[in-house]
Amino acid sequence: MQWRVKPVLPVTKLMGTVAVLVLAAAFAVNDPVRWVLAGLIAAGLAGWALRDVLVPIRLTADHDGVTVVTGFARRRHLPWSAVERVRVERNTRRGLRSELLEIDTGDAVYLFSAHDLGALPEDVVTELSDLRAA
């Protein structure tokens, strides 16, 4: 089993990069500070989109355990014996509700959003529990 970023996300981030540069061209004609800020924002968005393109698969699972993406593009295999808990972490702040898949190994916690997984965290927890029990 594997869960990946939806293809629309890196495209949206790249469109945001272009939009930032277009806005800078429109409103920062003779202002070098605005150009620098726009360049930094555009570079950040482009790097974020590049990660989605280079490492679209964020989580894989099989009978041996799970493999998670850590950092920018590293992968770490976790055997089922190292996984203490898999659950959905729900938070509500300022009227916004978020759900994250949490994989707890005792020494590290790995969090994945629905955008990272391309699926609802609740569905992924169910599939991982079924696979782990099998």
Protein backbone atom coordinates (compact mmCIF):
# COMPACT_ATOMS: atom_id res chain seq x y z
CA MET A 1 0.00 0.00 0.00
CA GLN A 2 1.14 3.51 -0.63
CA TRP A 3 -0.18 7.02 -0.16
CA ARG A 4 0.96 9.95 -2.25
CA VAL A 5 0.48 13.67 -2.74
CA LYS A 6 -2.29 14.52 -5.17
CA PRO A 7 -0.84 15.86 -8.46
CA VAL A 8 -2.88 19.04 -8.16
CA LEU A 9 -0.83 20.23 -5.18
CA PRO A 10 2.55 20.83 -6.86
CA VAL A 11 0.77 22.43 -9.81
CA THR A 12 -1.05 24.79 -7.46
CA LYS A 13 2.20 25.66 -5.68
CA LEU A 14 3.91 26.41 -9.00
CA MET A 15 0.95 28.59 -10.02
CA GLY A 16 1.42 30.46 -6.72
CA THR A 17 5.08 30.96 -7.60
CA VAL A 18 4.12 32.52 -10.93
CA ALA A 19 1.44 34.65 -9.25
CA VAL A 20 3.97 36.05 -6.75
CA LEU A 21 6.34 37.01 -9.57
CA VAL A 22 3.53 38.59 -11.61
CA LEU A 23 2.41 40.63 -8.59
CA ALA A 24 5.99 41.71 -7.98
CA ALA A 25 6.28 42.83 -11.60
CA ALA A 26 3.05 44.80 -11.25
CA PHE A 27 3.65 46.45 -7.87
CA ALA A 28 7.41 46.44 -7.23
CA VAL A 29 8.73 48.04 -10.39
CA ASN A 30 11.43 50.20 -8.76
CA ASP A 31 11.50 48.69 -5.26
CA PRO A 32 14.37 46.22 -4.77
CA VAL A 33 13.14 45.19 -1.30
CA ARG A 34 9.82 43.97 -2.71
CA TRP A 35 11.64 42.12 -5.48
CA VAL A 36 13.84 40.35 -2.93
CA LEU A 37 10.82 39.41 -0.83
CA ALA A 38 8.95 38.19 -3.89
CA GLY A 39 12.00 36.19 -4.97
CA LEU A 40 12.31 34.54 -1.56
CA ILE A 41 8.61 33.66 -1.46
CA ALA A 42 8.71 32.33 -5.03
CA ALA A 43 11.82 30.25 -4.27
CA GLY A 44 10.15 28.81 -1.17
CA LEU A 45 7.01 27.86 -3.08
CA ALA A 46 9.06 26.37 -5.92
CA GLY A 47 11.12 24.31 -3.45
CA TRP A 48 7.96 23.10 -1.75
CA ALA A 49 6.51 22.08 -5.14
CA LEU A 50 9.79 20.41 -6.11
CA ARG A 51 9.58 18.19 -3.03
CA ASP A 52 6.09 17.09 -4.08
CA VAL A 53 7.39 16.24 -7.56
CA LEU A 54 10.57 14.45 -6.43
CA VAL A 55 9.02 12.55 -3.50
CA PRO A 56 5.30 12.18 -4.16
CA ILE A 57 4.91 8.98 -2.13
CA ARG A 58 4.86 9.98 1.54
CA LEU A 59 3.90 6.70 3.20
CA THR A 60 4.12 3.05 2.19
CA ALA A 61 3.12 0.01 4.20
CA ASP A 62 3.53 -3.73 3.86
CA HIS A 63 3.58 -6.77 6.14
CA ASP A 64 7.07 -5.83 7.42
CA GLY A 65 6.20 -2.28 8.51
CA VAL A 66 5.85 1.25 7.20
CA THR A 67 8.22 3.52 5.29
CA VAL A 68 7.87 7.24 5.94
CA VAL A 69 9.41 10.29 4.30
CA THR A 70 11.42 12.41 6.72
CA GLY A 71 13.04 15.76 6.10
CA PHE A 72 13.07 16.92 2.49
CA ALA A 73 13.36 13.55 0.74
CA ARG A 74 14.77 10.88 3.09
CA ARG A 75 12.93 7.64 3.68
CA ARG A 76 12.92 5.68 6.91
CA HIS A 77 11.61 2.13 7.27
CA LEU A 78 9.88 1.36 10.56
CA PRO A 79 9.14 -2.27 11.39
CA TRP A 80 5.74 -2.89 12.96
CA SER A 81 7.48 -3.79 16.23
CA ALA A 82 8.85 -0.22 16.42
CA VAL A 83 5.44 1.40 15.87
CA GLU A 84 3.76 1.99 19.23
CA ARG A 85 0.63 3.75 18.02
CA VAL A 86 -1.12 4.83 14.84
CA ARG A 87 -3.98 7.28 15.30
CA VAL A 88 -5.69 10.39 13.98
CA GLU A 89 -4.82 13.60 15.80
CA ARG A 90 -7.71 16.10 15.64
CA ASN A 91 -7.27 19.80 16.47
CA THR A 92 -9.61 22.75 16.31
CA ARG A 93 -8.06 26.21 16.43
CA ARG A 94 -9.72 29.48 15.59
CA GLY A 95 -12.67 27.65 14.10
CA LEU A 96 -10.51 25.56 11.76
CA ARG A 97 -10.42 21.81 12.18
CA SER A 98 -7.46 19.72 11.14
CA GLU A 99 -6.79 16.00 11.15
CA LEU A 100 -3.33 14.45 10.99
CA LEU A 101 -2.24 10.84 10.79
CA GLU A 102 0.16 10.25 13.67
CA ILE A 103 2.63 7.36 13.67
CA ASP A 104 4.32 7.17 17.07
CA THR A 105 7.48 5.08 17.49
CA GLY A 106 8.28 6.19 21.02
CA ASP A 107 11.38 8.17 20.03
CA ALA A 108 9.78 9.98 17.07
CA VAL A 109 6.34 11.02 15.87
CA TYR A 110 5.55 11.21 12.15
CA LEU A 111 2.62 13.39 11.09
CA PHE A 112 0.84 13.31 7.73
CA SER A 113 -2.02 15.49 6.57
CA ALA A 114 -4.74 14.50 4.14
CA HIS A 115 -2.80 16.51 1.52
CA ASP A 116 0.33 14.44 2.14
CA LEU A 117 -1.58 11.18 1.90
CA GLY A 118 -4.08 11.94 -0.84
CA ALA A 119 -6.66 10.28 1.43
CA LEU A 120 -8.42 10.96 4.71
CA PRO A 121 -6.24 10.11 7.72
CA GLU A 122 -9.10 8.10 9.24
CA ASP A 123 -9.20 5.82 6.18
CA VAL A 124 -5.42 5.37 6.27
CA VAL A 125 -5.52 4.41 9.97
CA THR A 126 -8.13 1.76 9.17
CA GLU A 127 -6.06 0.31 6.32
CA LEU A 128 -2.86 0.34 8.40
CA SER A 129 -4.62 -1.37 11.31
CA ASP A 130 -5.97 -4.07 8.99
CA LEU A 131 -2.53 -4.61 7.46
CA ARG A 132 -0.81 -4.71 10.84
CA ALA A 133 -3.28 -7.28 12.17
CA ALA A 134 -2.87 -9.51 9.12
